[in-house]
Amino acid sequence: MMKRRYSRNVAGFQALKRVVVLPIMGLLLFAATNVAAQGWNGIIPCVTTRLQAEKILGRDPDPDIIGIYHLKKYSVNVHYDRRDLSSPAEDIVSSFVVYLNDTVKLKSYVKKLRNFPKDFLRTELPYSLTRVYGAASYIDGEKGFIIKVQKDENDDEVIYGFEYFCTSEECEKPG
């Protein structure tokens, strides 16, 4: 009699697992992939339109292919892909750079990022290009994300900007 009760409990657990646990796991996996593709403040390269970006950043008085926005803590330069010449509101965000108004050391920022050394490729930027000694970028090409840094007087790397860009080939082709 004891074995029979045990087998019923196992069968009940299996049914519960199929009905409750698996759908919850599916939702968590969907949420995890959705979070990874959020971009910055809801602006996603190759997805967000100029109209949607300007709802977040404020209106650009001169709608050109580069929008420049000044916020409290950030300055944001948005590069738009012009899909329809007659409707700038439908331009698509192709990439954007977020410049920090405050100083943030890379060491303190990296503590918040998982797998930083594994996911990012460090590239030195030449002085002839940047006019800044010790300038470098940490690039994650799969996620379309760059951390721009330069050395301060204490030889610490300080973040001066983040760049978000589209990684799929579809985004590079207009229309």
N, C-alpha and C. Protein backbone atom coordinates (compact mmCIF):
# COMPACT_ATOMS: atom_id res chain seq x y z
N MET A 1 0.82 -1.19 0.00
CA MET A 1 0.00 0.00 0.00
C MET A 1 0.86 1.26 0.00
N MET A 2 2.01 1.16 0.65
CA MET A 2 2.91 2.30 0.71
C MET A 2 3.48 2.62 -0.67
N LYS A 3 3.83 1.57 -1.43
CA LYS A 3 4.37 1.78 -2.75
C LYS A 3 3.37 2.45 -3.67
N ARG A 4 2.13 2.09 -3.53
CA ARG A 4 1.08 2.63 -4.39
C ARG A 4 0.91 4.14 -4.16
N ARG A 5 0.93 4.56 -2.90
CA ARG A 5 0.81 5.98 -2.58
C ARG A 5 2.01 6.76 -3.14
N TYR A 6 3.20 6.18 -3.01
CA TYR A 6 4.40 6.81 -3.51
C TYR A 6 4.33 6.99 -5.03
N SER A 7 3.90 5.98 -5.72
CA SER A 7 3.82 6.08 -7.18
C SER A 7 2.77 7.10 -7.60
N ARG A 8 1.68 7.22 -6.84
CA ARG A 8 0.67 8.24 -7.16
C ARG A 8 1.25 9.65 -6.95
N ASN A 9 2.05 9.82 -5.89
CA ASN A 9 2.66 11.13 -5.63
C ASN A 9 3.65 11.50 -6.74
N VAL A 10 4.43 10.52 -7.18
CA VAL A 10 5.37 10.78 -8.27
C VAL A 10 4.62 11.13 -9.54
N ALA A 11 3.57 10.42 -9.86
CA ALA A 11 2.78 10.71 -11.05
C ALA A 11 2.13 12.10 -10.93
N GLY A 12 1.66 12.44 -9.74
CA GLY A 12 1.07 13.77 -9.53
C GLY A 12 2.09 14.87 -9.70
N PHE A 13 3.32 14.62 -9.22
CA PHE A 13 4.39 15.61 -9.37
C PHE A 13 4.74 15.78 -10.85
N GLN A 14 4.81 14.69 -11.58
CA GLN A 14 5.12 14.76 -13.02
C GLN A 14 4.09 15.59 -13.75
N ALA A 15 2.82 15.40 -13.42
CA ALA A 15 1.74 16.17 -14.06
C ALA A 15 1.86 17.64 -13.67
N LEU A 16 2.14 17.92 -12.40
CA LEU A 16 2.31 19.29 -11.93
C LEU A 16 3.48 19.95 -12.66
N LYS A 17 4.55 19.20 -12.84
CA LYS A 17 5.73 19.72 -13.53
C LYS A 17 5.39 20.13 -14.97
N ARG A 18 4.64 19.29 -15.66
CA ARG A 18 4.26 19.58 -17.04
C ARG A 18 3.34 20.79 -17.14
N VAL A 19 2.42 20.90 -16.21
CA VAL A 19 1.40 21.94 -16.29
C VAL A 19 1.88 23.29 -15.73
N VAL A 20 2.69 23.27 -14.69
CA VAL A 20 3.06 24.51 -14.01
C VAL A 20 4.53 24.90 -14.23
N VAL A 21 5.44 23.99 -13.96
CA VAL A 21 6.85 24.32 -13.95
C VAL A 21 7.38 24.63 -15.34
N LEU A 22 7.07 23.82 -16.34
CA LEU A 22 7.60 24.05 -17.68
C LEU A 22 7.14 25.38 -18.28
N PRO A 23 5.86 25.75 -18.20
CA PRO A 23 5.47 27.07 -18.71
C PRO A 23 6.16 28.23 -17.99
N ILE A 24 6.36 28.09 -16.67
CA ILE A 24 7.05 29.15 -15.93
C ILE A 24 8.49 29.27 -16.40
N MET A 25 9.15 28.14 -16.60
CA MET A 25 10.53 28.18 -17.10
C MET A 25 10.59 28.82 -18.49
N GLY A 26 9.61 28.50 -19.33
CA GLY A 26 9.56 29.11 -20.66
C GLY A 26 9.42 30.62 -20.58
N LEU A 27 8.57 31.10 -19.69
CA LEU A 27 8.40 32.54 -19.51
C LEU A 27 9.68 33.19 -19.01
N LEU A 28 10.36 32.55 -18.08
CA LEU A 28 11.62 33.10 -17.57
C LEU A 28 12.68 33.19 -18.66
N LEU A 29 12.77 32.16 -19.49
CA LEU A 29 13.73 32.19 -20.60
C LEU A 29 13.39 33.29 -21.59
N PHE A 30 12.10 33.48 -21.89
CA PHE A 30 11.67 34.54 -22.80
C PHE A 30 12.02 35.90 -22.21
N ALA A 31 11.77 36.07 -20.92
CA ALA A 31 12.07 37.34 -20.26
C ALA A 31 13.57 37.61 -20.27
N ALA A 32 14.37 36.59 -20.08
CA ALA A 32 15.82 36.76 -20.07
C ALA A 32 16.33 37.22 -21.43
N THR A 33 15.82 36.65 -22.51
CA THR A 33 16.26 37.07 -23.84
C THR A 33 15.73 38.45 -24.16
N ASN A 34 14.56 38.77 -23.68
CA ASN A 34 13.99 40.09 -23.91
C ASN A 34 14.80 41.17 -23.20
N VAL A 35 15.23 40.89 -21.98
CA VAL A 35 16.00 41.86 -21.22
C VAL A 35 17.34 42.12 -21.89
N ALA A 36 17.97 41.08 -22.43
CA ALA A 36 19.26 41.24 -23.07
C ALA A 36 19.17 42.12 -24.31
N ALA A 37 18.02 42.23 -24.93
CA ALA A 37 17.86 42.99 -26.17
C ALA A 37 17.23 44.35 -25.96
N GLN A 38 17.30 44.89 -24.74
CA GLN A 38 16.61 46.15 -24.46
C GLN A 38 17.36 47.39 -24.91
N GLY A 39 18.67 47.30 -25.17
CA GLY A 39 19.41 48.50 -25.53
C GLY A 39 19.55 49.40 -24.31
N TRP A 40 19.39 50.70 -24.49
CA TRP A 40 19.56 51.66 -23.40
C TRP A 40 18.26 52.45 -23.24
N ASN A 41 17.70 52.44 -22.07
CA ASN A 41 16.46 53.17 -21.76
C ASN A 41 15.34 52.87 -22.75
N GLY A 42 15.32 51.67 -23.30
CA GLY A 42 14.27 51.29 -24.22
C GLY A 42 14.56 51.62 -25.68
N ILE A 43 15.72 52.20 -25.96
CA ILE A 43 16.10 52.51 -27.35
C ILE A 43 16.95 51.35 -27.86
N ILE A 44 16.47 50.70 -28.91
CA ILE A 44 17.14 49.53 -29.46
C ILE A 44 17.53 49.82 -30.90
N PRO A 45 18.83 49.75 -31.22
CA PRO A 45 19.26 49.99 -32.60
C PRO A 45 18.53 49.07 -33.58
N CYS A 46 18.16 49.64 -34.71
CA CYS A 46 17.52 48.93 -35.82
C CYS A 46 16.09 48.51 -35.51
N VAL A 47 15.55 48.94 -34.39
CA VAL A 47 14.18 48.64 -34.02
C VAL A 47 13.42 49.94 -33.73
N THR A 48 14.03 50.81 -32.95
CA THR A 48 13.38 52.03 -32.48
C THR A 48 13.34 53.09 -33.59
N THR A 49 12.20 53.75 -33.74
CA THR A 49 12.08 54.83 -34.72
C THR A 49 12.47 56.16 -34.06
N ARG A 50 12.68 57.20 -34.88
CA ARG A 50 13.00 58.53 -34.36
C ARG A 50 11.89 59.01 -33.44
N LEU A 51 10.64 58.78 -33.82
CA LEU A 51 9.51 59.22 -33.01
C LEU A 51 9.56 58.57 -31.61
N GLN A 52 9.84 57.28 -31.56
CA GLN A 52 9.93 56.57 -30.28
C GLN A 52 11.13 57.07 -29.47
N ALA A 53 12.27 57.29 -30.13
CA ALA A 53 13.47 57.78 -29.43
C ALA A 53 13.23 59.17 -28.86
N GLU A 54 12.53 60.01 -29.61
CA GLU A 54 12.28 61.37 -29.14
C GLU A 54 11.26 61.42 -28.02
N LYS A 55 10.44 60.41 -27.89
CA LYS A 55 9.55 60.34 -26.72
C LYS A 55 10.37 60.12 -25.46
N ILE A 56 11.51 59.43 -25.59
CA ILE A 56 12.38 59.14 -24.46
C ILE A 56 13.38 60.28 -24.22
N LEU A 57 13.95 60.80 -25.31
CA LEU A 57 15.05 61.76 -25.20
C LEU A 57 14.63 63.22 -25.30
N GLY A 58 13.43 63.48 -25.76
CA GLY A 58 13.01 64.85 -26.03
C GLY A 58 13.10 65.13 -27.52
N ARG A 59 12.52 66.22 -27.94
CA ARG A 59 12.44 66.53 -29.38
C ARG A 59 13.75 67.12 -29.88
N ASP A 60 14.18 66.68 -31.05
CA ASP A 60 15.34 67.25 -31.72
C ASP A 60 14.83 68.37 -32.62
N PRO A 61 15.21 69.62 -32.39
CA PRO A 61 14.66 70.73 -33.18
C PRO A 61 15.07 70.69 -34.66
N ASP A 62 16.20 70.03 -34.96
CA ASP A 62 16.68 69.97 -36.34
C ASP A 62 16.79 68.52 -36.76
N PRO A 63 15.68 67.92 -37.25
CA PRO A 63 15.72 66.48 -37.58
C PRO A 63 16.63 66.16 -38.76
N ASP A 64 17.85 65.78 -38.44
CA ASP A 64 18.84 65.38 -39.43
C ASP A 64 19.15 63.90 -39.20
N ILE A 65 20.11 63.34 -39.93
CA ILE A 65 20.42 61.92 -39.71
C ILE A 65 21.17 61.68 -38.41
N ILE A 66 21.66 62.75 -37.77
CA ILE A 66 22.25 62.63 -36.43
C ILE A 66 21.46 63.53 -35.49
N GLY A 67 20.91 62.93 -34.44
CA GLY A 67 20.19 63.70 -33.43
C GLY A 67 21.06 63.87 -32.21
N ILE A 68 21.12 65.08 -31.66
CA ILE A 68 21.94 65.36 -30.48
C ILE A 68 20.99 65.78 -29.36
N TYR A 69 21.06 65.04 -28.24
CA TYR A 69 20.13 65.25 -27.12
C TYR A 69 20.94 65.43 -25.84
N HIS A 70 20.55 66.39 -25.02
CA HIS A 70 21.22 66.64 -23.75
C HIS A 70 20.24 66.37 -22.62
N LEU A 71 20.60 65.39 -21.78
CA LEU A 71 19.79 65.03 -20.62
C LEU A 71 20.54 65.44 -19.36
N LYS A 72 19.94 65.19 -18.21
CA LYS A 72 20.55 65.60 -16.94
C LYS A 72 21.91 64.95 -16.71
N LYS A 73 21.98 63.62 -16.86
CA LYS A 73 23.22 62.89 -16.57
C LYS A 73 23.99 62.48 -17.83
N TYR A 74 23.36 62.64 -19.00
CA TYR A 74 23.95 62.12 -20.23
C TYR A 74 23.77 63.10 -21.39
N SER A 75 24.64 62.94 -22.38
CA SER A 75 24.43 63.52 -23.70
C SER A 75 24.36 62.34 -24.65
N VAL A 76 23.43 62.37 -25.58
CA VAL A 76 23.21 61.23 -26.45
C VAL A 76 23.25 61.70 -27.91
N ASN A 77 24.10 61.03 -28.71
CA ASN A 77 24.13 61.26 -30.15
C ASN A 77 23.54 60.05 -30.83
N VAL A 78 22.45 60.26 -31.56
CA VAL A 78 21.76 59.16 -32.22
C VAL A 78 21.96 59.26 -33.72
N HIS A 79 22.39 58.16 -34.33
CA HIS A 79 22.53 58.10 -35.79
C HIS A 79 21.30 57.39 -36.33
N TYR A 80 20.62 58.07 -37.25
CA TYR A 80 19.39 57.52 -37.82
C TYR A 80 19.63 57.02 -39.24
N ASP A 81 18.90 55.99 -39.60
CA ASP A 81 18.90 55.45 -40.96
C ASP A 81 17.62 55.98 -41.60
N ARG A 82 17.78 56.83 -42.61
CA ARG A 82 16.63 57.46 -43.24
C ARG A 82 15.96 56.48 -44.20
N ARG A 83 14.77 56.00 -43.81
CA ARG A 83 14.04 55.02 -44.64
C ARG A 83 13.12 55.72 -45.63
N ASP A 84 12.55 56.85 -45.20
CA ASP A 84 11.57 57.55 -46.04
C ASP A 84 11.89 59.04 -45.96
N LEU A 85 12.31 59.64 -47.06
CA LEU A 85 12.71 61.05 -47.06
C LEU A 85 11.58 61.99 -46.67
N SER A 86 10.34 61.59 -46.93
CA SER A 86 9.21 62.48 -46.64
C SER A 86 8.76 62.42 -45.19
N SER A 87 9.24 61.42 -44.43
CA SER A 87 8.78 61.27 -43.05
C SER A 87 9.95 60.99 -42.11
N PRO A 88 10.63 62.05 -41.60
CA PRO A 88 11.75 61.84 -40.68
C PRO A 88 11.35 61.09 -39.40
N ALA A 89 10.10 61.18 -38.99
CA ALA A 89 9.65 60.49 -37.77
C ALA A 89 9.79 58.98 -37.90
N GLU A 90 9.82 58.47 -39.12
CA GLU A 90 9.95 57.03 -39.36
C GLU A 90 11.40 56.58 -39.50
N ASP A 91 12.37 57.51 -39.37
CA ASP A 91 13.78 57.12 -39.40
C ASP A 91 14.03 56.07 -38.32
N ILE A 92 14.92 55.14 -38.60
CA ILE A 92 15.25 54.07 -37.66
C ILE A 92 16.59 54.38 -37.00
N VAL A 93 16.69 54.14 -35.69
CA VAL A 93 17.96 54.31 -34.97
C VAL A 93 18.92 53.23 -35.46
N SER A 94 20.05 53.65 -36.05
CA SER A 94 21.04 52.67 -36.50
C SER A 94 22.10 52.43 -35.43
N SER A 95 22.48 53.49 -34.71
CA SER A 95 23.41 53.37 -33.59
C SER A 95 23.30 54.63 -32.76
N PHE A 96 23.81 54.57 -31.54
CA PHE A 96 23.85 55.78 -30.72
C PHE A 96 24.94 55.68 -29.68
N VAL A 97 25.44 56.87 -29.28
CA VAL A 97 26.48 56.95 -28.27
C VAL A 97 25.94 57.74 -27.09
N VAL A 98 26.13 57.19 -25.90
CA VAL A 98 25.71 57.85 -24.66
C VAL A 98 26.98 58.34 -23.97
N TYR A 99 27.12 59.66 -23.84
CA TYR A 99 28.27 60.24 -23.15
C TYR A 99 27.86 60.58 -21.72
N LEU A 100 28.72 60.22 -20.77
CA LEU A 100 28.43 60.47 -19.36
C LEU A 100 28.85 61.89 -18.99
N ASN A 101 28.03 62.58 -18.20
CA ASN A 101 28.40 63.89 -17.70
C ASN A 101 29.26 63.78 -16.44
N ASP A 102 29.17 62.66 -15.73
CA ASP A 102 29.97 62.43 -14.52
C ASP A 102 31.08 61.43 -14.81
N THR A 103 32.11 61.45 -13.97
CA THR A 103 33.23 60.53 -14.11
C THR A 103 32.89 59.18 -13.49
N VAL A 104 33.11 58.12 -14.25
CA VAL A 104 32.91 56.76 -13.75
C VAL A 104 34.15 55.95 -14.11
N LYS A 105 34.79 55.37 -13.09
CA LYS A 105 35.96 54.54 -13.34
C LYS A 105 35.51 53.18 -13.86
N LEU A 106 36.24 52.66 -14.83
CA LEU A 106 35.90 51.37 -15.43
C LEU A 106 35.89 50.27 -14.38
N LYS A 107 36.85 50.29 -13.43
CA LYS A 107 36.92 49.25 -12.40
C LYS A 107 35.61 49.14 -11.62
N SER A 108 35.03 50.27 -11.23
CA SER A 108 33.79 50.22 -10.46
C SER A 108 32.61 49.79 -11.32
N TYR A 109 32.63 50.16 -12.60
CA TYR A 109 31.54 49.77 -13.50
C TYR A 109 31.59 48.28 -13.82
N VAL A 110 32.80 47.74 -13.99
CA VAL A 110 32.98 46.34 -14.38
C VAL A 110 32.41 45.41 -13.31
N LYS A 111 32.45 45.81 -12.05
CA LYS A 111 31.91 44.98 -10.98
C LYS A 111 30.43 44.69 -11.18
N LYS A 112 29.73 45.56 -11.91
CA LYS A 112 28.30 45.37 -12.16
C LYS A 112 28.05 44.45 -13.37
N LEU A 113 29.07 44.24 -14.20
CA LEU A 113 28.91 43.43 -15.41
C LEU A 113 29.43 42.02 -15.18
N ARG A 114 28.61 41.04 -15.56
CA ARG A 114 29.07 39.66 -15.47
C ARG A 114 29.95 39.32 -16.67
N ASN A 115 30.97 38.51 -16.46
CA ASN A 115 31.84 37.99 -17.53
C ASN A 115 32.50 39.09 -18.35
N PHE A 116 32.86 40.21 -17.72
CA PHE A 116 33.43 41.31 -18.49
C PHE A 116 34.67 40.92 -19.30
N PRO A 117 35.70 40.32 -18.70
CA PRO A 117 36.89 40.02 -19.50
C PRO A 117 36.64 39.03 -20.62
N LYS A 118 35.68 38.12 -20.43
CA LYS A 118 35.39 37.10 -21.43
C LYS A 118 34.60 37.68 -22.62
N ASP A 119 33.67 38.56 -22.34
CA ASP A 119 32.75 39.04 -23.38
C ASP A 119 33.29 40.23 -24.17
N PHE A 120 34.22 40.98 -23.61
CA PHE A 120 34.66 42.21 -24.25
C PHE A 120 36.08 42.09 -24.80
N LEU A 121 36.30 42.67 -25.95
CA LEU A 121 37.60 42.70 -26.60
C LEU A 121 38.15 44.12 -26.47
N ARG A 122 39.32 44.27 -25.89
CA ARG A 122 39.89 45.61 -25.69
C ARG A 122 40.72 46.00 -26.91
N THR A 123 40.49 47.19 -27.41
CA THR A 123 41.28 47.69 -28.54
C THR A 123 41.79 49.08 -28.20
N GLU A 124 43.09 49.27 -28.38
CA GLU A 124 43.70 50.59 -28.18
C GLU A 124 43.31 51.48 -29.36
N LEU A 125 43.10 52.74 -29.07
CA LEU A 125 42.81 53.70 -30.13
C LEU A 125 44.03 54.59 -30.32
N PRO A 126 44.52 54.77 -31.55
CA PRO A 126 45.75 55.53 -31.77
C PRO A 126 45.58 57.02 -31.46
N TYR A 127 46.65 57.63 -30.96
CA TYR A 127 46.64 59.05 -30.63
C TYR A 127 46.32 59.89 -31.86
N SER A 128 46.80 59.48 -33.03
CA SER A 128 46.56 60.24 -34.26
C SER A 128 45.06 60.37 -34.56
N LEU A 129 44.29 59.37 -34.10
CA LEU A 129 42.84 59.39 -34.34
C LEU A 129 42.10 60.12 -33.23
N THR A 130 42.48 59.89 -31.98
CA THR A 130 41.70 60.40 -30.85
C THR A 130 42.24 61.68 -30.24
N ARG A 131 43.56 61.95 -30.43
CA ARG A 131 44.23 63.07 -29.77
C ARG A 131 44.19 62.94 -28.25
N VAL A 132 44.01 61.70 -27.77
CA VAL A 132 44.01 61.41 -26.34
C VAL A 132 44.90 60.20 -26.12
N TYR A 133 45.90 60.35 -25.23
CA TYR A 133 46.73 59.20 -24.89
C TYR A 133 45.96 58.26 -23.97
N GLY A 134 46.10 56.96 -24.20
CA GLY A 134 45.45 55.98 -23.33
C GLY A 134 43.99 55.76 -23.65
N ALA A 135 43.54 56.16 -24.82
CA ALA A 135 42.14 55.91 -25.19
C ALA A 135 42.00 54.48 -25.69
N ALA A 136 40.90 53.84 -25.31
CA ALA A 136 40.66 52.45 -25.73
C ALA A 136 39.16 52.20 -25.76
N SER A 137 38.79 51.10 -26.36
CA SER A 137 37.39 50.67 -26.40
C SER A 137 37.31 49.22 -25.97
N TYR A 138 36.26 48.88 -25.25
CA TYR A 138 35.94 47.50 -24.91
C TYR A 138 34.70 47.14 -25.73
N ILE A 139 34.85 46.21 -26.64
CA ILE A 139 33.79 45.91 -27.61
C ILE A 139 33.21 44.53 -27.37
N ASP A 140 31.88 44.47 -27.36
CA ASP A 140 31.17 43.20 -27.38
C ASP A 140 30.37 43.19 -28.68
N GLY A 141 30.96 42.60 -29.71
CA GLY A 141 30.35 42.62 -31.04
C GLY A 141 29.06 41.84 -31.15
N GLU A 142 28.90 40.81 -30.31
CA GLU A 142 27.68 40.02 -30.36
C GLU A 142 26.48 40.78 -29.83
N LYS A 143 26.71 41.61 -28.81
CA LYS A 143 25.61 42.36 -28.21
C LYS A 143 25.49 43.76 -28.76
N GLY A 144 26.44 44.19 -29.61
CA GLY A 144 26.39 45.52 -30.19
C GLY A 144 26.62 46.61 -29.16
N PHE A 145 27.72 46.46 -28.38
CA PHE A 145 27.95 47.36 -27.26
C PHE A 145 29.43 47.67 -27.14
N ILE A 146 29.77 48.97 -26.99
CA ILE A 146 31.15 49.40 -26.81
C ILE A 146 31.22 50.29 -25.58
N ILE A 147 32.24 50.06 -24.73
CA ILE A 147 32.53 50.98 -23.64
C ILE A 147 33.77 51.76 -24.05
N LYS A 148 33.67 53.08 -24.11
CA LYS A 148 34.79 53.93 -24.51
C LYS A 148 35.47 54.47 -23.26
N VAL A 149 36.79 54.30 -23.17
CA VAL A 149 37.53 54.71 -21.97
C VAL A 149 38.77 55.52 -22.36
N GLN A 150 39.27 56.27 -21.38
CA GLN A 150 40.56 56.92 -21.52
C GLN A 150 41.21 57.00 -20.14
N LYS A 151 42.53 57.10 -20.12
CA LYS A 151 43.26 57.12 -18.85
C LYS A 151 43.22 58.51 -18.24
N ASP A 152 43.08 58.54 -16.90
CA ASP A 152 43.13 59.82 -16.19
C ASP A 152 44.54 60.03 -15.62
N GLU A 153 44.71 61.07 -14.81
CA GLU A 153 46.05 61.39 -14.27
C GLU A 153 46.59 60.31 -13.33
N ASN A 154 45.72 59.47 -12.78
CA ASN A 154 46.16 58.37 -11.92
C ASN A 154 46.36 57.06 -12.68
N ASP A 155 46.31 57.13 -13.99
CA ASP A 155 46.46 55.98 -14.88
C ASP A 155 45.30 54.98 -14.74
N ASP A 156 44.15 55.45 -14.25
CA ASP A 156 42.93 54.63 -14.20
C ASP A 156 42.15 54.85 -15.48
N GLU A 157 41.50 53.79 -15.96
CA GLU A 157 40.62 53.95 -17.13
C GLU A 157 39.28 54.51 -16.68
N VAL A 158 38.89 55.61 -17.30
CA VAL A 158 37.65 56.31 -16.98
C VAL A 158 36.72 56.19 -18.18
N ILE A 159 35.48 55.86 -17.93
CA ILE A 159 34.49 55.73 -19.01
C ILE A 159 34.03 57.11 -19.45
N TYR A 160 34.06 57.36 -20.74
CA TYR A 160 33.49 58.61 -21.22
C TYR A 160 32.29 58.37 -22.15
N GLY A 161 32.02 57.12 -22.48
CA GLY A 161 30.85 56.88 -23.31
C GLY A 161 30.56 55.42 -23.55
N PHE A 162 29.31 55.16 -23.94
CA PHE A 162 28.86 53.83 -24.32
C PHE A 162 28.28 53.95 -25.73
N GLU A 163 28.57 52.99 -26.57
CA GLU A 163 27.99 53.00 -27.92
C GLU A 163 27.19 51.73 -28.12
N TYR A 164 26.00 51.89 -28.67
CA TYR A 164 25.11 50.77 -28.97
C TYR A 164 24.92 50.74 -30.48
N PHE A 165 25.07 49.57 -31.08
CA PHE A 165 24.93 49.47 -32.53
C PHE A 165 24.23 48.18 -32.90
N CYS A 166 23.74 48.15 -34.11
CA CYS A 166 23.02 46.98 -34.61
C CYS A 166 24.03 45.93 -35.06
N THR A 167 23.76 44.69 -34.72
CA THR A 167 24.68 43.62 -35.09
C THR A 167 24.20 42.80 -36.28
N SER A 168 22.93 42.90 -36.64
CA SER A 168 22.45 42.08 -37.75
C SER A 168 22.68 42.77 -39.08
N GLU A 169 22.87 41.99 -40.12
CA GLU A 169 23.13 42.54 -41.45
C GLU A 169 21.90 43.23 -42.03
N GLU A 170 20.72 42.84 -41.60
CA GLU A 170 19.50 43.46 -42.12
C GLU A 170 19.47 44.95 -41.83
N CYS A 171 20.03 45.34 -40.70
CA CYS A 171 20.00 46.75 -40.32
C CYS A 171 20.87 47.60 -41.20
N GLU A 172 21.89 47.00 -41.78
CA GLU A 172 22.80 47.77 -42.62
C GLU A 172 22.22 48.04 -43.99
N LYS A 173 21.21 47.30 -44.37
CA LYS A 173 20.58 47.49 -45.68
C LYS A 173 19.38 48.40 -45.53
N PRO A 174 19.32 49.54 -46.23
CA PRO A 174 18.16 50.42 -46.11
C PRO A 174 16.90 49.79 -46.70
N GLY A 175 15.80 50.13 -46.07
CA GLY A 175 14.47 49.84 -46.55
C GLY A 175 13.97 48.50 -46.65
